[in-house]
């Protein structure tokens, strides 16, 4: 079309230059110089179109070019390129009704032009005539079944009308018929990813499955498909799809990670560990495999969890999630000074990167608990208060602060307020009831304290700290027999507990025979802990 437009632009110049003069010919044999109306319009149309090209390419005037093109198209509606260019100009200026008129004038001359049909369909769609647009899009598909534009336009219209299943069916038909389905694949992929972003996994699958059938060797789409299957609980399809991808790409860390997540969700922890480990040995773009592996090993093998986290931190020193997990591992190993150092470094890195607000309340909870257990009371108090300010509903933090203050015998009124808030959310939480009773004990209200502490003991009978607290309350109420009974109960749980042995006037245990103490931290985390930082 571009070549035709180029030579058309030269015709008026030939006429103006007077080339091919026939002045020596006989006037009797000369053709009539009187032009018919059609011939006159054609000549004027060519002149306008020539001026349009000059205005657009030489003068850089879009407005003048559009005006000249429109005039040319009106004078010669049979010229398809002129009509298309004029209509495109109208659409660019959002003059949709004018675009419809321009194309409708040309349609009788070119009823089988798919280009005209598609552009007129767009104009109809923009002017609120979807039925007409649908008819033209379907006609364009009939005229050129191997071209993707008709399918794409029709699918977009159907999608806009809320008929997504029809749109996907149209795109599937296009994938089967089109010579090049790239645009249709992109349409489906983008629509699927929008659904993924909205958490609509089943809807996303309807988009990805046709693409996967069309492109079975595209491992990226196969991996995406496998992840969707896993998300909706179709474990068999997920594992089949993802293991096939991993067979072709054995160092694909993301695929190994996805398989590990499936096994972890199925509580097959050995297989999950196997694939998480494989992911850490693959071409991993980030620290995610290390985070998942270390979190999995946190309870079963803390030493290996620490080694894996330290290895990952060397590779990804600025990944705050992995470093937070490493801090949590140190807490679990009672390496409180190391945990404090790690959390402090995380806070510093986050501040340097302008990400301090992105640190979650749980981060400040674990940071504060590590400081408290490392003996840094004031720092712990500040961090835990930050946690509570960020999330006043984080009951674990409310209880932790309340117990800290009760242990120190300070801010008991605030402590009582905090633990009361926590108990409103979890009225039968033994750890919270123990904190409430201990605050009342520190306030000297021993009878009320005993009532709350016995409730906690009934709910958590094998906790040495609660048993000791009940014994202390009985001791304060001058009932030594009951006090000794509960202290001994606690000692059976923790035979090496120095506080209980002292109250029972027992010597320290033989270090060669006693088991390592399993005593809870000074501020117990017996309630369900918050999520990892």
Protein backbone atom coordinates (compact mmCIF):
# COMPACT_ATOMS: atom_id res chain seq x y z
CA UNK A 1 0.00 0.00 0.00
CA UNK A 2 2.91 2.33 0.82
CA UNK A 3 4.30 1.93 -2.74
CA UNK A 4 0.96 2.75 -4.28
CA UNK A 5 0.55 5.85 -2.16
CA UNK A 6 4.02 7.03 -3.19
CA UNK A 7 3.37 6.99 -6.88
CA UNK A 8 -0.13 8.39 -6.48
CA UNK A 9 1.41 11.44 -4.88
CA UNK A 10 3.41 12.15 -8.02
CA UNK A 11 0.45 12.25 -10.42
CA UNK A 12 -0.50 15.88 -9.73
CA UNK A 13 3.11 16.87 -10.35
CA UNK A 14 3.03 15.24 -13.76
CA UNK A 15 -0.10 17.19 -14.60
CA UNK A 16 1.30 20.48 -13.38
CA UNK A 17 4.60 20.02 -15.23
CA UNK A 18 2.79 19.63 -18.58
CA UNK A 19 4.95 16.73 -19.64
CA UNK A 20 3.98 14.88 -22.83
CA UNK A 21 2.86 18.06 -24.71
CA UNK A 22 0.91 17.24 -27.89
CA UNK A 23 0.69 20.75 -29.38
CA UNK A 24 1.58 19.40 -32.82
CA UNK A 25 -1.42 17.09 -32.87
CA UNK A 26 -4.53 17.93 -34.84
CA UNK A 27 -7.24 19.46 -32.70
CA UNK A 28 -9.78 17.42 -34.59
CA UNK A 29 -8.24 14.23 -33.24
CA UNK A 30 -7.68 15.56 -29.70
CA UNK A 31 -9.80 14.17 -26.89
CA UNK A 32 -12.34 16.40 -25.24
CA UNK A 33 -10.92 18.53 -22.44
CA UNK A 34 -14.29 18.60 -20.65
CA UNK A 35 -14.06 16.37 -17.49
CA UNK A 36 -16.96 14.34 -16.12
CA UNK A 37 -17.93 14.91 -12.47
CA UNK A 38 -16.32 11.60 -11.43
CA UNK A 39 -13.11 12.44 -13.30
CA UNK A 40 -13.07 15.89 -11.77
CA UNK A 41 -13.54 14.48 -8.25
CA UNK A 42 -10.76 11.94 -8.81
CA UNK A 43 -8.33 14.58 -9.91
CA UNK A 44 -9.22 16.84 -7.01
CA UNK A 45 -8.97 13.88 -4.61
CA UNK A 46 -5.47 13.13 -5.84
CA UNK A 47 -4.51 16.73 -5.40
CA UNK A 48 -5.79 16.77 -1.81
CA UNK A 49 -4.08 13.49 -1.02
CA UNK A 50 -0.80 14.74 -2.49
CA UNK A 51 -1.06 17.82 -0.31
CA UNK A 52 -1.82 15.60 2.69
CA UNK A 53 1.39 13.65 2.15
CA UNK A 54 3.38 16.86 1.79
CA UNK A 55 1.78 18.31 4.94
CA UNK A 56 2.52 15.16 6.95
CA UNK A 57 6.03 14.30 5.77
CA UNK A 58 7.44 17.68 4.82
CA UNK A 59 5.61 20.24 6.90
CA UNK A 60 5.04 17.96 9.90
CA UNK A 61 1.46 19.15 10.21
CA UNK A 62 -0.81 16.31 11.34
CA UNK A 63 -3.89 18.51 11.41
CA UNK A 64 -3.40 19.76 7.85
CA UNK A 65 -2.58 16.26 6.66
CA UNK A 66 -5.77 14.91 8.21
CA UNK A 67 -7.86 17.69 6.67
CA UNK A 68 -6.47 17.06 3.22
CA UNK A 69 -6.84 13.29 3.55
CA UNK A 70 -10.44 13.66 4.69
CA UNK A 71 -11.27 15.90 1.73
CA UNK A 72 -9.63 13.45 -0.65
CA UNK A 73 -11.52 10.49 0.83
CA UNK A 74 -14.83 12.33 0.60
CA UNK A 75 -14.23 13.10 -3.08
CA UNK A 76 -13.17 9.53 -3.94
CA UNK A 77 -14.84 7.07 -1.53
CA UNK A 78 -13.71 4.16 -3.69
CA UNK A 79 -10.07 4.65 -2.71
CA UNK A 80 -9.52 2.16 0.12
CA UNK A 81 -6.13 3.45 1.37
CA UNK A 82 -7.51 6.99 1.53
CA UNK A 83 -10.56 5.87 3.49
CA UNK A 84 -8.47 3.84 5.93
CA UNK A 85 -6.07 6.71 6.51
CA UNK A 86 -8.86 9.23 6.98
CA UNK A 87 -10.71 6.95 9.40
CA UNK A 88 -7.55 6.25 11.36
CA UNK A 89 -7.01 9.98 11.70
CA UNK A 90 -10.55 10.46 12.99
CA UNK A 91 -10.09 7.64 15.51
CA UNK A 92 -6.82 9.14 16.70
CA UNK A 93 -8.72 12.36 17.44
CA UNK A 94 -11.55 10.35 19.06
CA UNK A 95 -13.88 11.49 16.27
CA UNK A 96 -15.45 8.06 16.20
CA UNK A 97 -18.71 8.99 14.46
CA UNK A 98 -16.77 10.67 11.62
CA UNK A 99 -14.64 7.54 11.26
CA UNK A 100 -17.80 5.46 10.89
CA UNK A 101 -19.12 7.78 8.16
CA UNK A 102 -15.82 7.71 6.27
CA UNK A 103 -15.66 3.94 6.26
CA UNK A 104 -19.35 3.41 5.53
CA UNK A 105 -18.93 5.50 2.35
CA UNK A 106 -16.18 3.16 1.20
CA UNK A 107 -17.71 -0.15 2.31
CA UNK A 108 -19.94 -0.60 -0.82
CA UNK A 109 -16.83 -0.39 -3.01
CA UNK A 110 -14.83 -2.91 -0.90
CA UNK A 111 -17.31 -5.17 0.93
CA UNK A 112 -14.76 -8.00 1.10
CA UNK A 113 -11.87 -5.98 2.53
CA UNK A 114 -10.87 -7.41 5.90
CA UNK A 115 -8.87 -4.28 6.74
CA UNK A 116 -11.87 -2.06 6.20
CA UNK A 117 -14.11 -4.44 8.11
CA UNK A 118 -11.78 -4.52 11.11
CA UNK A 119 -11.38 -0.75 11.25
CA UNK A 120 -15.10 -0.16 10.83
CA UNK A 121 -15.72 -2.76 13.53
CA UNK A 122 -13.46 -0.82 15.88
CA UNK A 123 -15.32 2.40 15.03
CA UNK A 124 -18.68 0.72 15.63
CA UNK A 125 -17.43 -0.66 18.93
CA UNK A 126 -16.29 2.79 20.03
CA UNK A 127 -19.63 4.33 19.09
CA UNK A 128 -21.61 1.77 21.08
CA UNK A 129 -22.69 -0.59 18.32
CA UNK A 130 -21.19 -3.94 19.41
CA UNK A 131 -23.59 -6.04 17.29
CA UNK A 132 -22.37 -4.36 14.10
CA UNK A 133 -18.77 -4.69 15.27
CA UNK A 134 -19.25 -8.40 16.00
CA UNK A 135 -20.66 -8.99 12.51
CA UNK A 136 -17.68 -7.26 10.89
CA UNK A 137 -15.10 -9.05 13.04
CA UNK A 138 -16.64 -12.41 12.18
CA UNK A 139 -16.62 -11.46 8.50
CA UNK A 140 -12.93 -10.51 8.75
CA UNK A 141 -12.24 -13.96 10.26
CA UNK A 142 -14.16 -15.58 7.37
CA UNK A 143 -12.20 -13.60 4.80
CA UNK A 144 -8.80 -14.22 6.38
CA UNK A 145 -9.00 -17.20 8.76
CA UNK A 146 -5.22 -17.41 8.97
CA UNK A 147 -4.80 -13.84 10.27
CA UNK A 148 -5.05 -13.22 14.05
CA UNK A 149 -6.54 -9.71 14.02
CA UNK A 150 -10.17 -10.75 13.62
CA UNK A 151 -9.97 -13.25 16.47
CA UNK A 152 -8.19 -10.78 18.69
CA UNK A 153 -10.67 -7.97 18.08
CA UNK A 154 -13.68 -10.22 18.53
CA UNK A 155 -12.26 -11.70 21.75
CA UNK A 156 -11.59 -8.24 23.15
CA UNK A 157 -15.17 -7.21 22.43
CA UNK A 158 -16.55 -10.37 24.06
CA UNK A 159 -14.33 -9.85 27.06
CA UNK A 160 -15.54 -6.27 27.38
CA UNK A 161 -19.12 -7.57 27.46
CA UNK A 162 -18.26 -9.96 30.29
CA UNK A 163 -18.33 -13.04 28.07
CA UNK A 164 -14.91 -14.39 28.95
CA UNK A 165 -15.65 -18.01 28.05
CA UNK A 166 -16.73 -16.90 24.56
CA UNK A 167 -13.57 -14.80 24.28
CA UNK A 168 -11.34 -17.73 25.20
CA UNK A 169 -13.19 -19.96 22.72
CA UNK A 170 -12.58 -17.34 20.01
CA UNK A 171 -8.89 -17.18 20.86
CA UNK A 172 -8.63 -20.99 20.89
CA UNK A 173 -10.18 -21.10 17.44
CA UNK A 174 -7.67 -18.50 16.32
CA UNK A 175 -4.76 -20.54 17.70
CA UNK A 176 -5.88 -23.49 15.60
CA UNK A 177 -6.35 -21.48 12.39
CA UNK A 178 -3.94 -18.55 12.48
CA UNK A 179 -0.62 -18.73 10.64
CA UNK A 180 1.04 -16.78 13.44
CA UNK A 181 -0.68 -17.03 16.82
CA UNK A 182 1.82 -14.91 18.76
CA UNK A 183 -0.64 -12.07 19.37
CA UNK A 184 -3.35 -14.51 20.51
CA UNK A 185 -0.92 -16.29 22.87
CA UNK A 186 0.07 -12.95 24.38
CA UNK A 187 -3.62 -12.07 24.81
CA UNK A 188 -4.30 -15.31 26.68
CA UNK A 189 -1.14 -15.10 28.77
CA UNK A 190 -1.81 -11.51 29.81
CA UNK A 191 -5.42 -12.31 30.68
CA UNK A 192 -4.24 -15.30 32.71
CA UNK A 193 -1.71 -13.23 34.61
CA UNK A 194 -4.39 -10.65 35.44
CA UNK A 195 -6.44 -13.49 36.94
CA UNK A 196 -3.39 -14.69 38.87
CA UNK A 197 -2.94 -11.18 40.26
CA UNK A 198 -6.58 -11.23 41.38
CA UNK A 199 -6.21 -14.67 42.95
CA UNK A 200 -8.51 -16.24 40.34
CA UNK A 201 -6.47 -19.35 39.64
CA UNK A 202 -9.19 -21.43 37.98
CA UNK A 203 -9.92 -18.58 35.58
CA UNK A 204 -6.19 -18.27 34.88
CA UNK A 205 -6.03 -21.97 34.04
CA UNK A 206 -8.68 -21.52 31.34
CA UNK A 207 -6.28 -19.06 29.70
CA UNK A 208 -3.03 -20.99 30.16
CA UNK A 209 -4.24 -24.44 29.10
CA UNK A 210 -4.87 -23.51 25.42
CA UNK A 211 -1.45 -21.86 25.26
CA UNK A 212 0.18 -24.94 26.77
CA UNK A 213 -1.54 -27.18 24.21
CA UNK A 214 -0.38 -24.92 21.39
CA UNK A 215 3.17 -24.64 22.76
CA UNK A 216 3.95 -27.91 24.58
CA UNK A 217 7.69 -27.20 24.41
CA UNK A 218 7.41 -23.80 26.12
CA UNK A 219 8.73 -24.71 29.55
CA UNK A 220 7.88 -21.32 31.05
CA UNK A 221 4.18 -21.72 30.33
CA UNK A 222 4.30 -25.35 31.45
CA UNK A 223 5.79 -24.27 34.77
CA UNK A 224 3.12 -21.61 35.18
CA UNK A 225 0.46 -24.20 34.41
CA UNK A 226 1.90 -26.58 37.00
CA UNK A 227 1.87 -23.89 39.66
CA UNK A 228 -1.79 -23.18 38.92
CA UNK A 229 -2.66 -26.87 39.26
CA UNK A 230 -0.90 -26.91 42.62
CA UNK A 231 -2.77 -23.83 43.76
CA UNK A 232 -6.18 -25.42 43.19
CA UNK A 233 -5.17 -28.72 44.76
CA UNK A 234 -4.73 -30.81 41.60
CA UNK A 235 -1.52 -32.27 42.99
CA UNK A 236 -1.17 -35.07 40.46
CA UNK A 237 -1.33 -32.74 37.46
CA UNK A 238 0.93 -30.25 39.18
CA UNK A 239 3.65 -32.77 39.96
CA UNK A 240 3.42 -34.36 36.52
CA UNK A 241 3.75 -31.01 34.78
CA UNK A 242 6.49 -29.60 36.99
CA UNK A 243 8.64 -32.74 37.11
CA UNK A 244 8.55 -32.84 33.30
CA UNK A 245 9.85 -29.26 33.27
CA UNK A 246 12.55 -30.08 35.82
CA UNK A 247 13.65 -33.08 33.75
CA UNK A 248 14.34 -30.72 30.84
CA UNK A 249 15.83 -28.02 33.06
CA UNK A 250 17.50 -29.84 35.98
CA UNK A 251 18.97 -26.61 37.38
CA UNK A 252 15.67 -24.72 37.33
CA UNK A 253 15.50 -23.64 40.97
CA UNK A 254 12.02 -22.12 40.67
CA UNK A 255 10.54 -25.40 39.45
CA UNK A 256 12.28 -27.42 42.16
CA UNK A 257 11.02 -24.92 44.71
CA UNK A 258 7.44 -25.27 43.43
CA UNK A 259 7.65 -29.07 43.69
CA UNK A 260 8.99 -28.76 47.22
CA UNK A 261 6.08 -26.53 48.18
CA UNK A 262 3.62 -29.14 46.88
CA UNK A 263 5.23 -31.85 48.98
CA UNK A 264 5.34 -29.60 52.04
CA UNK A 265 1.62 -28.83 51.64
CA UNK A 266 1.02 -32.59 51.50
CA UNK A 267 3.10 -32.94 54.71
CA UNK A 268 5.68 -35.07 52.89
CA UNK A 269 8.51 -33.21 54.60
CA UNK A 270 11.42 -35.45 53.49
CA UNK A 271 10.50 -34.94 49.81
CA UNK A 272 9.95 -31.24 50.43
CA UNK A 273 13.41 -30.99 51.99
CA UNK A 274 14.87 -32.90 49.03
CA UNK A 275 13.49 -30.46 46.47
CA UNK A 276 14.20 -27.34 48.53
CA UNK A 277 17.81 -28.51 48.82
CA UNK A 278 17.89 -29.13 45.08
CA UNK A 279 16.57 -25.62 44.52
CA UNK A 280 19.43 -24.14 46.58
CA UNK A 281 21.87 -26.03 44.32
CA UNK A 282 20.24 -24.83 41.12
CA UNK A 283 20.30 -21.54 39.27
CA UNK A 284 18.30 -19.67 41.87
CA UNK A 285 17.65 -15.99 41.14
CA UNK A 286 16.98 -15.14 44.78
CA UNK A 287 17.06 -16.48 48.32
CA UNK A 288 13.59 -18.07 48.24
CA UNK A 289 14.83 -21.70 48.26
CA UNK A 290 17.03 -20.99 51.29
CA UNK A 291 14.15 -19.33 53.12
CA UNK A 292 11.84 -22.31 52.52
CA UNK A 293 14.52 -24.89 53.40
CA UNK A 294 15.54 -23.14 56.59
CA UNK A 295 11.96 -22.60 57.70
CA UNK A 296 11.27 -26.30 57.11
CA UNK A 297 14.36 -27.34 59.12
CA UNK A 298 13.77 -24.83 61.90
CA UNK A 299 12.20 -27.37 64.28
CA UNK A 300 13.62 -30.68 63.06
CA UNK A 301 17.26 -29.76 62.47
CA UNK A 302 18.12 -26.25 63.73
CA UNK A 303 21.87 -26.80 63.26
CA UNK A 304 21.43 -27.58 59.57
CA UNK A 305 18.90 -24.77 59.27
CA UNK A 306 21.49 -22.34 60.62
CA UNK A 307 24.20 -23.69 58.28
CA UNK A 308 21.88 -23.39 55.25
CA UNK A 309 20.79 -19.87 56.22
CA UNK A 310 24.40 -18.74 56.72
CA UNK A 311 25.29 -20.22 53.32
CA UNK A 312 22.38 -18.37 51.72
CA UNK A 313 23.27 -15.08 53.39
CA UNK A 314 26.74 -15.26 51.84
CA UNK A 315 25.14 -15.53 48.40
CA UNK A 316 22.32 -13.03 49.06
CA UNK A 317 23.65 -10.70 51.78
CA UNK A 318 20.92 -8.10 51.24
CA UNK A 319 17.94 -10.44 51.34
CA UNK A 320 16.15 -9.31 54.48
CA UNK A 321 13.74 -12.26 54.58
CA UNK A 322 16.55 -14.81 54.72
CA UNK A 323 18.44 -12.84 57.32
CA UNK A 324 15.29 -12.56 59.43
CA UNK A 325 14.93 -16.36 59.29
CA UNK A 326 18.56 -16.67 60.37
CA UNK A 327 17.78 -14.43 63.35
CA UNK A 328 14.83 -16.64 64.21
CA UNK A 329 17.04 -19.73 64.04
CA UNK A 330 19.46 -18.08 66.47
CA UNK A 331 16.55 -17.45 68.84
CA UNK A 332 15.53 -21.10 68.62
CA UNK A 333 19.13 -22.10 69.39
CA UNK A 334 19.14 -19.66 72.32
CA UNK A 335 21.97 -17.72 70.65
CA UNK A 336 20.30 -14.49 71.67
CA UNK A 337 23.29 -12.18 71.20
CA UNK A 338 23.73 -13.47 67.62
CA UNK A 339 20.01 -13.00 66.99
CA UNK A 340 20.12 -9.42 68.26
CA UNK A 341 23.11 -8.65 66.03
CA UNK A 342 21.35 -10.12 62.99
CA UNK A 343 18.11 -8.23 63.61
CA UNK A 344 20.02 -4.98 64.18
CA UNK A 345 21.80 -5.44 60.85
CA UNK A 346 18.47 -6.08 59.13
CA UNK A 347 17.01 -2.89 60.58
CA UNK A 348 20.07 -0.93 59.48
CA UNK A 349 19.97 -2.34 55.93
CA UNK A 350 16.25 -1.68 55.65
CA UNK A 351 16.70 1.92 56.77
CA UNK A 352 19.56 2.42 54.30
CA UNK A 353 17.34 1.18 51.51
CA UNK A 354 14.39 3.29 52.61
CA UNK A 355 12.39 0.16 53.44
CA UNK A 356 11.97 0.54 57.19
CA UNK A 357 8.15 0.82 56.97
CA UNK A 358 8.17 -2.50 55.07
CA UNK A 359 9.49 -4.35 58.11
CA UNK A 360 6.49 -6.17 59.50
CA UNK A 361 5.28 -6.04 63.10
CA UNK A 362 6.42 -9.66 63.55
CA UNK A 363 9.99 -8.53 62.86
CA UNK A 364 9.90 -6.16 65.83
CA UNK A 365 8.30 -8.88 67.96
CA UNK A 366 11.15 -11.33 67.37
CA UNK A 367 13.79 -8.60 67.56
CA UNK A 368 12.34 -7.43 70.86
CA UNK A 369 12.07 -10.96 72.27
CA UNK A 370 15.71 -11.64 71.36
CA UNK A 371 16.78 -8.43 73.12
CA UNK A 372 14.76 -9.33 76.23
CA UNK A 373 16.26 -12.80 76.39
CA UNK A 374 19.71 -11.31 75.88
CA UNK A 375 19.10 -9.15 78.97
CA UNK A 376 18.52 -5.87 77.08
CA UNK A 377 15.25 -4.94 78.76
CA UNK A 378 14.96 -1.27 77.71
CA UNK A 379 15.73 -2.04 74.09
CA UNK A 380 13.27 -4.94 74.11
CA UNK A 381 10.55 -2.71 75.57
CA UNK A 382 11.06 -0.09 72.84
CA UNK A 383 10.93 -2.67 70.03
CA UNK A 384 7.87 -4.44 71.37
CA UNK A 385 6.07 -1.14 71.82
CA UNK A 386 6.87 -0.42 68.16
CA UNK A 387 5.33 -3.77 67.28
CA UNK A 388 2.15 -2.98 69.23
CA UNK A 389 1.88 0.47 67.66
CA UNK A 390 2.15 -1.06 64.18
CA UNK A 391 -0.39 -3.78 64.94
CA UNK A 392 -2.47 -3.28 68.11
CA UNK A 393 -4.15 -6.65 67.45
CA UNK A 394 -0.94 -8.71 67.69
CA UNK A 395 -1.89 -10.46 70.90
CA UNK A 396 1.46 -12.21 71.30
CA UNK A 397 3.22 -8.86 71.55
CA UNK A 398 0.66 -7.53 74.04
CA UNK A 399 1.16 -10.60 76.22
CA UNK A 400 4.94 -10.51 75.91
CA UNK A 401 5.18 -6.90 77.06
CA UNK A 402 2.72 -7.49 79.87
CA UNK A 403 4.71 -10.47 81.15
CA UNK A 404 7.99 -8.56 80.87
CA UNK A 405 6.62 -5.77 83.03
CA UNK A 406 5.12 -8.25 85.49
CA UNK A 407 8.49 -10.00 85.87
CA UNK A 408 10.12 -6.64 86.62
CA UNK A 409 7.20 -5.49 88.77
CA UNK A 410 6.86 -2.29 86.72
CA UNK A 411 4.04 -0.64 84.75
CA UNK A 412 1.61 -3.18 86.16
CA UNK A 413 -1.48 -1.15 85.25
CA UNK A 414 -0.41 -1.00 81.60
CA UNK A 415 0.52 -4.67 81.73
CA UNK A 416 -2.96 -5.51 83.00
CA UNK A 417 -4.53 -3.47 80.19
CA UNK A 418 -2.39 -5.19 77.53
CA UNK A 419 -3.05 -8.75 78.67
CA UNK A 420 -6.76 -7.98 79.03
CA UNK A 421 -6.81 -6.93 75.37
CA UNK A 422 -5.08 -10.18 74.43
CA UNK A 423 -7.55 -12.24 76.45
CA UNK A 424 -10.51 -10.56 74.78
CA UNK A 425 -9.32 -12.16 71.55
CA UNK A 426 -8.26 -15.48 73.13
CA UNK A 427 -10.07 -15.92 76.46
CA UNK A 428 -8.87 -19.52 76.97
CA UNK A 429 -5.21 -18.99 76.13
CA UNK A 430 -3.22 -20.53 78.99
CA UNK A 431 -0.18 -18.31 78.51
CA UNK A 432 -2.31 -15.16 78.63
CA UNK A 433 -4.13 -16.39 81.74
CA UNK A 434 -0.77 -17.11 83.36
CA UNK A 435 0.36 -13.55 82.56
CA UNK A 436 -2.87 -12.14 84.02
CA UNK A 437 -2.44 -14.15 87.20
CA UNK A 438 1.20 -13.18 87.53
CA UNK A 439 0.38 -9.48 87.20
CA UNK A 440 -2.20 -9.80 89.96
CA UNK A 441 0.32 -11.70 92.07
CA UNK A 442 2.77 -8.81 91.65
CA UNK A 443 0.00 -6.40 92.64
CA UNK A 444 -0.50 -8.39 95.83
CA UNK A 445 -3.96 -9.66 94.89
CA UNK A 446 -3.08 -13.29 95.65
CA UNK A 447 -6.57 -14.81 95.67
CA UNK A 448 -7.45 -13.37 92.27
CA UNK A 449 -4.00 -14.40 91.05
CA UNK A 450 -4.49 -17.98 92.19
CA UNK A 451 -7.83 -18.22 90.41
CA UNK A 452 -6.31 -17.15 87.07
CA UNK A 453 -3.15 -19.22 87.53
CA UNK A 454 -5.09 -22.40 88.28
CA UNK A 455 -7.10 -21.87 85.08
CA UNK A 456 -3.83 -21.60 83.20
CA UNK A 457 -2.50 -24.74 84.91
CA UNK A 458 -5.62 -26.72 84.00
CA UNK A 459 -5.16 -25.74 80.37
CA UNK A 460 -1.38 -26.27 80.35
CA UNK A 461 -0.59 -28.83 83.11
CA UNK A 462 2.89 -29.70 81.85
CA UNK A 463 4.32 -26.19 81.92
CA UNK A 464 6.92 -25.69 84.66
CA UNK A 465 6.56 -21.90 84.77
CA UNK A 466 2.80 -22.03 85.31
CA UNK A 467 3.17 -24.73 87.98
CA UNK A 468 5.76 -22.60 89.79
CA UNK A 469 3.47 -19.56 89.66
CA UNK A 470 0.58 -21.54 91.18
CA UNK A 471 2.92 -22.74 93.91
CA UNK A 472 4.06 -19.18 94.58
CA UNK A 473 0.43 -18.06 94.92
CA UNK A 474 -0.31 -20.85 97.43
CA UNK A 475 2.87 -19.92 99.30
CA UNK A 476 1.73 -16.28 99.50
CA UNK A 477 -1.60 -17.50 100.88
CA UNK A 478 0.29 -19.50 103.58
CA UNK A 479 -0.61 -22.94 102.24
CA UNK A 480 2.84 -24.57 102.14
CA UNK A 481 1.52 -28.06 101.36
CA UNK A 482 -0.18 -26.88 98.16
CA UNK A 483 2.81 -24.71 97.28
CA UNK A 484 5.20 -27.66 97.54
CA UNK A 485 2.79 -29.83 95.54
CA UNK A 486 2.88 -27.44 92.56
CA UNK A 487 6.60 -26.74 92.82
CA UNK A 488 7.25 -30.47 92.67
CA UNK A 489 4.92 -30.74 89.69
CA UNK A 490 7.02 -28.15 87.90
CA UNK A 491 10.23 -29.89 88.89
CA UNK A 492 9.04 -33.13 87.29
CA UNK A 493 8.80 -31.23 84.02
CA UNK A 494 12.14 -29.46 84.44
CA UNK A 495 14.32 -31.39 86.92
CA UNK A 496 17.21 -28.93 86.61
CA UNK A 497 15.15 -25.75 87.09
CA UNK A 498 17.29 -23.78 89.60
CA UNK A 499 14.40 -21.61 90.86
CA UNK A 500 12.23 -24.60 91.71
CA UNK A 501 15.14 -26.52 93.29
CA UNK A 502 15.89 -23.52 95.45
CA UNK A 503 12.29 -23.22 96.68
CA UNK A 504 12.28 -26.94 97.51
CA UNK A 505 15.69 -26.61 99.22
CA UNK A 506 17.28 -29.13 96.85
CA UNK A 507 20.95 -29.06 95.87
CA UNK A 508 21.91 -28.35 92.25
CA UNK A 509 21.62 -31.48 90.11
CA UNK A 510 24.66 -33.58 89.29
CA UNK A 511 25.90 -32.00 86.09
CA UNK A 512 27.07 -35.36 84.78
CA UNK A 513 23.63 -36.90 85.15
CA UNK A 514 21.21 -34.08 84.59
CA UNK A 515 19.75 -33.38 81.20
CA UNK A 516 20.17 -29.95 79.63
CA UNK A 517 17.53 -27.53 80.79
CA UNK A 518 14.53 -27.16 78.52
CA UNK A 519 13.23 -24.22 80.47
CA UNK A 520 11.21 -21.72 78.51
CA UNK A 521 12.69 -18.28 77.86
CA UNK A 522 12.34 -15.75 80.67
CA UNK A 523 9.29 -14.39 78.87
CA UNK A 524 7.46 -17.49 77.65
CA UNK A 525 6.29 -17.96 74.06
CA UNK A 526 3.89 -20.71 75.06
CA UNK A 527 1.06 -19.18 73.08
CA UNK A 528 1.05 -19.56 69.31
CA UNK A 529 3.91 -17.35 68.12
CA UNK A 530 3.41 -14.74 65.43
CA UNK A 531 4.59 -15.47 61.90
CA UNK A 532 8.29 -15.50 61.15
CA UNK A 533 9.69 -11.99 60.66
